[in-house]
C-alpha atoms as a PDB file:
ATOM      1  CA  MET A   1      12.813 -18.077  -7.145  1.00  0.00           C
ATOM      2  CA  THR A   2      11.223 -18.915  -3.823  1.00  0.00           C
ATOM      3  CA  ALA A   3      10.032 -16.815  -0.888  1.00  0.00           C
ATOM      4  CA  LYS A   4      10.457 -18.277   2.607  1.00  0.00           C
ATOM      5  CA  LEU A   5       8.233 -17.065   5.428  1.00  0.00           C
ATOM      6  CA  ILE A   6      10.214 -15.690   8.377  1.00  0.00           C
ATOM      7  CA  GLU A   7       7.466 -14.383  10.635  1.00  0.00           C
ATOM      8  CA  TYR A   8       4.015 -12.803  10.678  1.00  0.00           C
ATOM      9  CA  ARG A   9       1.797 -10.755  12.961  1.00  0.00           C
ATOM     10  CA  THR A  10      -1.868  -9.830  12.997  1.00  0.00           C
ATOM     11  CA  LEU A  11      -2.667  -6.185  12.250  1.00  0.00           C
ATOM     12  CA  CYS A  12      -6.456  -6.415  12.595  1.00  0.00           C
ATOM     13  CA  PRO A  13      -9.119  -9.054  11.930  1.00  0.00           C
ATOM     14  CA  ASP A  14      -8.276 -10.898   8.680  1.00  0.00           C
ATOM     15  CA  VAL A  15      -5.167  -8.784   7.960  1.00  0.00           C
ATOM     16  CA  ARG A  16      -1.588  -9.878   8.601  1.00  0.00           C
ATOM     17  CA  HIS A  17       1.876  -8.425   8.176  1.00  0.00           C
ATOM     18  CA  PHE A  18       4.249 -11.021   6.702  1.00  0.00           C
ATOM     19  CA  VAL A  19       8.053 -10.997   6.582  1.00  0.00           C
ATOM     20  CA  PHE A  20       9.605 -13.129   3.827  1.00  0.00           C
ATOM     21  CA  GLU A  21      13.102 -13.625   2.525  1.00  0.00           C
ATOM     22  CA  ALA A  22      14.315 -14.649  -0.932  1.00  0.00           C
ATOM     23  CA  PRO A  23      17.028 -17.235  -0.104  1.00  0.00           C
ATOM     24  CA  ASP A  24      18.123 -17.519  -3.759  1.00  0.00           C
ATOM     25  CA  VAL A  25      19.614 -13.993  -3.707  1.00  0.00           C
ATOM     26  CA  THR A  26      21.678 -11.937  -1.285  1.00  0.00           C
ATOM     27  CA  ARG A  27      19.768  -8.763  -2.137  1.00  0.00           C
ATOM     28  CA  LEU A  28      16.289  -8.415  -3.567  1.00  0.00           C
ATOM     29  CA  GLU A  29      16.396  -5.369  -5.826  1.00  0.00           C
ATOM     30  CA  PHE A  30      13.165  -3.432  -6.266  1.00  0.00           C
ATOM     31  CA  THR A  31      11.700   0.057  -6.370  1.00  0.00           C
ATOM     32  CA  PRO A  32       9.229   0.876  -3.558  1.00  0.00           C
ATOM     33  CA  GLY A  33       5.724   0.435  -4.933  1.00  0.00           C
ATOM     34  CA  GLN A  34       6.448  -2.743  -6.877  1.00  0.00           C
ATOM     35  CA  PHE A  35       4.927  -6.165  -6.196  1.00  0.00           C
ATOM     36  CA  VAL A  36       5.897  -9.828  -6.105  1.00  0.00           C
ATOM     37  CA  SER A  37       3.956 -12.589  -7.818  1.00  0.00           C
ATOM     38  CA  PHE A  38       3.317 -15.825  -5.877  1.00  0.00           C
ATOM     39  CA  SER A  39       2.291 -19.118  -7.525  1.00  0.00           C
ATOM     40  CA  GLU A  40       0.954 -22.409  -6.158  1.00  0.00           C
ATOM     41  CA  GLU A  41      -0.960 -25.405  -7.460  1.00  0.00           C
ATOM     42  CA  PHE A  42      -4.454 -26.143  -6.150  1.00  0.00           C
ATOM     43  CA  ASP A  43      -6.203 -29.307  -7.354  1.00  0.00           C
ATOM     44  CA  GLY A  44      -3.775 -29.545 -10.252  1.00  0.00           C
ATOM     45  CA  LYS A  45      -4.328 -25.944 -11.370  1.00  0.00           C
ATOM     46  CA  LYS A  46      -1.633 -23.302 -11.054  1.00  0.00           C
ATOM     47  CA  ILE A  47      -2.865 -20.058  -9.483  1.00  0.00           C
ATOM     48  CA  THR A  48      -0.842 -16.836  -9.387  1.00  0.00           C
ATOM     49  CA  ARG A  49      -1.472 -13.752  -7.289  1.00  0.00           C
ATOM     50  CA  ALA A  50       0.316 -10.408  -7.065  1.00  0.00           C
ATOM     51  CA  TYR A  51       1.024  -8.701  -3.725  1.00  0.00           C
ATOM     52  CA  SER A  52       2.524  -5.247  -3.198  1.00  0.00           C
ATOM     53  CA  ILE A  53       5.682  -5.063  -1.122  1.00  0.00           C
ATOM     54  CA  CYS A  54       5.123  -2.882   1.940  1.00  0.00           C
ATOM     55  CA  SER A  55       8.775  -2.355   2.911  1.00  0.00           C
ATOM     56  CA  ALA A  56      11.827  -0.607   1.519  1.00  0.00           C
ATOM     57  CA  PRO A  57      14.706  -2.721   0.138  1.00  0.00           C
ATOM     58  CA  ASP A  58      16.552  -4.523   2.958  1.00  0.00           C
ATOM     59  CA  GLY A  59      18.911  -7.274   1.869  1.00  0.00           C
ATOM     60  CA  ASN A  60      16.909 -10.260   0.661  1.00  0.00           C
ATOM     61  CA  ARG A  61      13.974  -9.644   3.004  1.00  0.00           C
ATOM     62  CA  PHE A  62      10.662  -8.057   2.089  1.00  0.00           C
ATOM     63  CA  GLU A  63       7.324  -7.504   3.803  1.00  0.00           C
ATOM     64  CA  LEU A  64       3.712  -7.898   2.699  1.00  0.00           C
ATOM     65  CA  CYS A  65       0.385  -6.711   4.097  1.00  0.00           C
ATOM     66  CA  LEU A  66      -2.304  -9.221   3.174  1.00  0.00           C
ATOM     67  CA  ASN A  67      -6.038  -9.539   3.640  1.00  0.00           C
ATOM     68  CA  GLU A  68      -7.449 -13.042   3.958  1.00  0.00           C
ATOM     69  CA  VAL A  69     -10.211 -13.584   1.405  1.00  0.00           C
ATOM     70  CA  LYS A  70     -12.187 -16.346   3.091  1.00  0.00           C
ATOM     71  CA  GLU A  71     -13.746 -17.633  -0.126  1.00  0.00           C
ATOM     72  CA  GLY A  72     -10.455 -17.422  -2.016  1.00  0.00           C
ATOM     73  CA  ARG A  73      -7.787 -20.054  -2.618  1.00  0.00           C
ATOM     74  CA  PHE A  74      -4.481 -18.256  -2.361  1.00  0.00           C
ATOM     75  CA  SER A  75      -4.755 -15.952   0.639  1.00  0.00           C
ATOM     76  CA  PRO A  76      -6.086 -18.701   2.962  1.00  0.00           C
ATOM     77  CA  HIS A  77      -3.086 -20.794   1.856  1.00  0.00           C
ATOM     78  CA  LEU A  78      -0.700 -17.993   2.822  1.00  0.00           C
ATOM     79  CA  PHE A  79      -2.491 -17.540   6.146  1.00  0.00           C
ATOM     80  CA  ARG A  80      -1.906 -21.235   6.884  1.00  0.00           C
ATOM     81  CA  MET A  81       1.835 -20.937   6.242  1.00  0.00           C
ATOM     82  CA  GLN A  82       4.228 -21.150   9.173  1.00  0.00           C
ATOM     83  CA  PRO A  83       7.787 -19.791   9.497  1.00  0.00           C
ATOM     84  CA  GLY A  84      10.080 -21.864   7.304  1.00  0.00           C
ATOM     85  CA  ASP A  85       7.415 -22.622   4.695  1.00  0.00           C
ATOM     86  CA  ALA A  86       8.084 -21.438   1.145  1.00  0.00           C
ATOM     87  CA  VAL A  87       6.139 -20.377  -1.940  1.00  0.00           C
ATOM     88  CA  ALA A  88       7.203 -19.911  -5.582  1.00  0.00           C
ATOM     89  CA  MET A  89       7.812 -16.274  -6.499  1.00  0.00           C
ATOM     90  CA  ARG A  90       8.491 -14.034  -9.494  1.00  0.00           C
ATOM     91  CA  GLY A  91       9.514 -10.408  -9.433  1.00  0.00           C
ATOM     92  CA  PRO A  92       9.598  -7.810  -8.103  1.00  0.00           C
ATOM     93  CA  LEU A  93       7.528  -6.309 -10.900  1.00  0.00           C
ATOM     94  CA  GLY A  94       5.230  -3.352 -11.596  1.00  0.00           C
ATOM     95  CA  GLN A  95       5.136   0.311 -12.595  1.00  0.00           C
ATOM     96  CA  PHE A  96       3.353   1.788  -9.558  1.00  0.00           C
ATOM     97  CA  VAL A  97       6.422   3.753  -8.470  1.00  0.00           C
ATOM     98  CA  LEU A  98       7.204   7.379  -7.789  1.00  0.00           C
ATOM     99  CA  ARG A  99       7.870   9.547 -10.793  1.00  0.00           C
ATOM    100  CA  GLN A 100      11.211  11.297 -10.884  1.00  0.00           C
ATOM    101  CA  PRO A 101      11.950  13.955  -9.903  1.00  0.00           C
ATOM    102  CA  VAL A 102       9.452  13.681  -7.060  1.00  0.00           C
ATOM    103  CA  ARG A 103       6.970  16.571  -6.964  1.00  0.00           C
ATOM    104  CA  ASP A 104       4.567  17.557  -4.214  1.00  0.00           C
ATOM    105  CA  SER A 105       2.288  14.525  -4.038  1.00  0.00           C
ATOM    106  CA  ILE A 106      -0.847  13.129  -2.457  1.00  0.00           C
ATOM    107  CA  PHE A 107      -1.165   9.429  -1.676  1.00  0.00           C
ATOM    108  CA  VAL A 108      -4.697   7.996  -1.471  1.00  0.00           C
ATOM    109  CA  ALA A 109      -5.215   4.500  -0.057  1.00  0.00           C
ATOM    110  CA  THR A 110      -7.954   2.281   1.313  1.00  0.00           C
ATOM    111  CA  GLY A 111      -7.509  -1.055   3.092  1.00  0.00           C
ATOM    112  CA  THR A 112      -4.425  -3.048   2.157  1.00  0.00           C
ATOM    113  CA  GLY A 113      -3.888  -0.543  -0.650  1.00  0.00           C
ATOM    114  CA  ILE A 114      -1.715   1.152   1.961  1.00  0.00           C
ATOM    115  CA  ALA A 115       1.057  -1.396   1.295  1.00  0.00           C
ATOM    116  CA  PRO A 116       2.982   0.315  -1.542  1.00  0.00           C
ATOM    117  CA  PHE A 117       2.773   3.683   0.204  1.00  0.00           C
ATOM    118  CA  ARG A 118       4.317   2.241   3.366  1.00  0.00           C
ATOM    119  CA  ALA A 119       7.191   1.032   1.184  1.00  0.00           C
ATOM    120  CA  MET A 120       7.588   4.429  -0.477  1.00  0.00           C
ATOM    121  CA  LEU A 121       7.520   6.317   2.817  1.00  0.00           C
ATOM    122  CA  ALA A 122      10.071   3.932   4.339  1.00  0.00           C
ATOM    123  CA  ASP A 123      12.561   4.961   1.658  1.00  0.00           C
ATOM    124  CA  ALA A 124      14.841   7.667   3.076  1.00  0.00           C
ATOM    125  CA  ARG A 125      15.448   9.018  -0.434  1.00  0.00           C
ATOM    126  CA  LEU A 126      11.818  10.082  -0.683  1.00  0.00           C
ATOM    127  CA  ARG A 127      11.913  11.983   2.600  1.00  0.00           C
ATOM    128  CA  ALA A 128      15.166  13.625   1.493  1.00  0.00           C
ATOM    129  CA  SER A 129      13.585  14.845  -1.743  1.00  0.00           C
ATOM    130  CA  GLY A 130      12.096  17.908  -0.049  1.00  0.00           C
ATOM    131  CA  ALA A 131       8.726  17.295  -1.698  1.00  0.00           C
ATOM    132  CA  SER A 132       5.539  17.875   0.272  1.00  0.00           C
ATOM    133  CA  LEU A 133       3.759  14.546   0.811  1.00  0.00           C
ATOM    134  CA  HIS A 134       0.237  13.958   2.121  1.00  0.00           C
ATOM    135  CA  LEU A 135      -1.175  10.489   2.839  1.00  0.00           C
ATOM    136  CA  ILE A 136      -4.970  10.103   2.939  1.00  0.00           C
ATOM    137  CA  PHE A 137      -5.925   6.688   4.292  1.00  0.00           C
ATOM    138  CA  GLY A 138      -9.486   5.414   4.454  1.00  0.00           C
ATOM    139  CA  ALA A 139     -10.907   2.469   6.399  1.00  0.00           C
ATOM    140  CA  ARG A 140     -14.271   1.328   7.684  1.00  0.00           C
ATOM    141  CA  TYR A 141     -13.230   1.123  11.324  1.00  0.00           C
ATOM    142  CA  GLU A 142     -10.487   2.697  13.390  1.00  0.00           C
ATOM    143  CA  HIS A 143      -8.736  -0.648  13.850  1.00  0.00           C
ATOM    144  CA  GLY A 144      -8.467  -0.892  10.058  1.00  0.00           C
ATOM    145  CA  LEU A 145      -6.033   2.031   9.884  1.00  0.00           C
ATOM    146  CA  LEU A 146      -3.054  -0.227   9.268  1.00  0.00           C
ATOM    147  CA  TYR A 147       0.361   1.080  10.403  1.00  0.00           C
ATOM    148  CA  ARG A 148      -1.329   4.151  11.853  1.00  0.00           C
ATOM    149  CA  GLU A 149       1.263   4.632  14.592  1.00  0.00           C
ATOM    150  CA  GLU A 150       4.082   4.549  12.043  1.00  0.00           C
ATOM    151  CA  PHE A 151       2.504   7.247   9.898  1.00  0.00           C
ATOM    152  CA  GLU A 152       1.707   9.430  12.906  1.00  0.00           C
ATOM    153  CA  ALA A 153       5.322   9.166  14.083  1.00  0.00           C
ATOM    154  CA  LEU A 154       6.575   9.991  10.601  1.00  0.00           C
ATOM    155  CA  ALA A 155       4.377  13.093  10.462  1.00  0.00           C
ATOM    156  CA  LYS A 156       5.889  14.308  13.723  1.00  0.00           C
ATOM    157  CA  GLU A 157       9.438  13.685  12.514  1.00  0.00           C
ATOM    158  CA  TYR A 158       9.158  15.156   9.019  1.00  0.00           C
ATOM    159  CA  PRO A 159       7.338  18.501   8.643  1.00  0.00           C
ATOM    160  CA  GLN A 160       6.889  17.959   4.895  1.00  0.00           C
ATOM    161  CA  PHE A 161       4.757  14.852   5.508  1.00  0.00           C
ATOM    162  CA  ARG A 162       1.102  14.937   6.566  1.00  0.00           C
ATOM    163  CA  PHE A 163      -1.157  12.027   7.455  1.00  0.00           C
ATOM    164  CA  THR A 164      -4.960  12.256   7.296  1.00  0.00           C
ATOM    165  CA  PRO A 165      -6.903   9.106   8.222  1.00  0.00           C
ATOM    166  CA  THR A 166     -10.648   8.912   7.663  1.00  0.00           C
ATOM    167  CA  ILE A 167     -13.154   6.197   8.621  1.00  0.00           C
ATOM    168  CA  THR A 168     -16.694   5.518   7.450  1.00  0.00           C
ATOM    169  CA  ARG A 169     -17.965   3.812  10.612  1.00  0.00           C
ATOM    170  CA  PRO A 170     -16.552   5.814  13.519  1.00  0.00           C
ATOM    171  CA  GLY A 171     -16.823   4.818  17.140  1.00  0.00           C
ATOM    172  CA  GLY A 172     -17.720   7.187  19.946  1.00  0.00           C
ATOM    173  CA  ASN A 173     -14.095   8.107  20.707  1.00  0.00           C
ATOM    174  CA  TRP A 174     -13.074   8.955  17.147  1.00  0.00           C
ATOM    175  CA  THR A 175     -12.276  12.659  16.657  1.00  0.00           C
ATOM    176  CA  GLY A 176     -10.715  12.579  13.173  1.00  0.00           C
ATOM    177  CA  ARG A 177     -12.177  12.816   9.695  1.00  0.00           C
ATOM    178  CA  THR A 178     -15.143  10.637   8.787  1.00  0.00           C
ATOM    179  CA  GLY A 179     -16.474   9.469   5.466  1.00  0.00           C
ATOM    180  CA  ARG A 180     -14.822   8.319   2.276  1.00  0.00           C
ATOM    181  CA  VAL A 181     -11.433   9.429   0.982  1.00  0.00           C
ATOM    182  CA  GLN A 182     -12.841  11.369  -1.985  1.00  0.00           C
ATOM    183  CA  PRO A 183     -14.088  14.499  -0.143  1.00  0.00           C
ATOM    184  CA  VAL A 184     -10.927  14.535   1.964  1.00  0.00           C
ATOM    185  CA  LEU A 185      -8.842  14.492  -1.209  1.00  0.00           C
ATOM    186  CA  LEU A 186     -10.761  17.416  -2.700  1.00  0.00           C
ATOM    187  CA  ASP A 187     -10.250  19.417   0.511  1.00  0.00           C
ATOM    188  CA  VAL A 188      -6.522  18.704   0.472  1.00  0.00           C
ATOM    189  CA  ILE A 189      -6.130  19.618  -3.199  1.00  0.00           C
ATOM    190  CA  GLY A 190      -7.976  22.919  -2.912  1.00  0.00           C
ATOM    191  CA  ASP A 191      -7.007  25.132  -5.830  1.00  0.00           C
ATOM    192  CA  ARG A 192      -3.719  23.371  -6.570  1.00  0.00           C
ATOM    193  CA  ARG A 193      -3.249  21.628  -9.882  1.00  0.00           C
ATOM    194  CA  ASP A 194       0.539  21.173  -9.718  1.00  0.00           C
ATOM    195  CA  LEU A 195       0.390  17.926  -7.715  1.00  0.00           C
ATOM    196  CA  ASP A 196       0.898  14.287  -8.545  1.00  0.00           C
ATOM    197  CA  VAL A 197      -1.738  11.976  -7.058  1.00  0.00           C
ATOM    198  CA  TYR A 198      -1.038   8.291  -6.384  1.00  0.00           C
ATOM    199  CA  VAL A 199      -4.072   6.077  -5.740  1.00  0.00           C
ATOM    200  CA  CYS A 200      -4.218   2.464  -4.567  1.00  0.00           C
ATOM    201  CA  GLY A 201      -7.166   0.348  -3.424  1.00  0.00           C
ATOM    202  CA  LEU A 202     -10.263  -1.341  -4.764  1.00  0.00           C
ATOM    203  CA  LYS A 203     -11.419  -0.615  -8.312  1.00  0.00           C
ATOM    204  CA  GLU A 204     -14.505   1.425  -7.391  1.00  0.00           C
ATOM    205  CA  MET A 205     -12.542   3.901  -5.273  1.00  0.00           C
ATOM    206  CA  VAL A 206      -9.666   4.195  -7.730  1.00  0.00           C
ATOM    207  CA  ASP A 207     -11.948   4.830 -10.709  1.00  0.00           C
ATOM    208  CA  ASP A 208     -13.996   7.373  -8.765  1.00  0.00           C
ATOM    209  CA  VAL A 209     -10.906   9.305  -7.673  1.00  0.00           C
ATOM    210  CA  ARG A 210      -9.532   9.323 -11.208  1.00  0.00           C
ATOM    211  CA  GLY A 211     -12.818  10.711 -12.490  1.00  0.00           C
ATOM    212  CA  LEU A 212     -12.920  13.460  -9.874  1.00  0.00           C
ATOM    213  CA  LEU A 213      -9.367  14.518 -10.672  1.00  0.00           C
ATOM    214  CA  LYS A 214      -9.955  14.601 -14.423  1.00  0.00           C
ATOM    215  CA  GLU A 215     -13.093  16.706 -13.907  1.00  0.00           C
ATOM    216  CA  ARG A 216     -10.936  19.228 -12.052  1.00  0.00           C
ATOM    217  CA  GLY A 217      -8.371  19.533 -14.787  1.00  0.00           C
ATOM    218  CA  PHE A 218      -5.695  17.084 -13.726  1.00  0.00           C
ATOM    219  CA  ASP A 219      -3.759  15.568 -16.596  1.00  0.00           C
ATOM    220  CA  ARG A 220      -3.779  11.766 -16.737  1.00  0.00           C
ATOM    221  CA  LYS A 221       0.022  11.797 -16.319  1.00  0.00           C
ATOM    222  CA  GLN A 222      -0.468  13.354 -12.876  1.00  0.00           C
ATOM    223  CA  ILE A 223      -2.612  10.407 -11.736  1.00  0.00           C
ATOM    224  CA  VAL A 224      -0.733   7.196 -10.963  1.00  0.00           C
ATOM    225  CA  TYR A 225      -2.880   4.298  -9.810  1.00  0.00           C
ATOM    226  CA  GLU A 226      -3.051   0.604  -9.006  1.00  0.00           C
ATOM    227  CA  LYS A 227      -6.223  -1.426  -8.502  1.00  0.00           C
ATOM    228  CA  TYR A 228      -6.521  -4.358  -6.100  1.00  0.00           C
ATOM    229  CA  ASP A 229      -9.399  -6.160  -7.812  1.00  0.00           C
END
């Protein structure tokens, strides 16, 4: 299967939102939270990378939120692509999806780890579940809060959804939470232990959050995670 680039836009320095389509199918079936696997040859060696879909199912189109790794091979290649260019694809694949039935849940993301949560929250079935949902999103700088306006609008529209951004390097005009996602998560959890917690981001953050939750009595089945390195 191939993925053809339709368009892209810059979200912040080194991060782009891409829109692809899968021309080999009329509908790309997937569960929000899954990823696609892209492959390309560089100097005679095949390299494969996985990227979480950041949109809900919509015909044969899907969206990605990608960070350009300057010293890498694959992401700079994708950042050089222009509309009409194509790349080999497998999937969608992956088990980082919402457990059914959906319970009250907390989503914890840093950086482009926000991608699968954007896909989940774009799914009307999730919002119709009646579950209480809280997204905690951490970034270094305010401009790194990807899709911030979307999440703020969603919080206004759906009372059962809350959005708490936090940044580690705030500017003078920032009035929200500061620091890492871990203390924010502990504040949000409080005394509750009947929650599912979904975590996505770099390995250090994910492992730290898992450890904190286990120390507080959360069962491993309540912690669903995906690491980006």
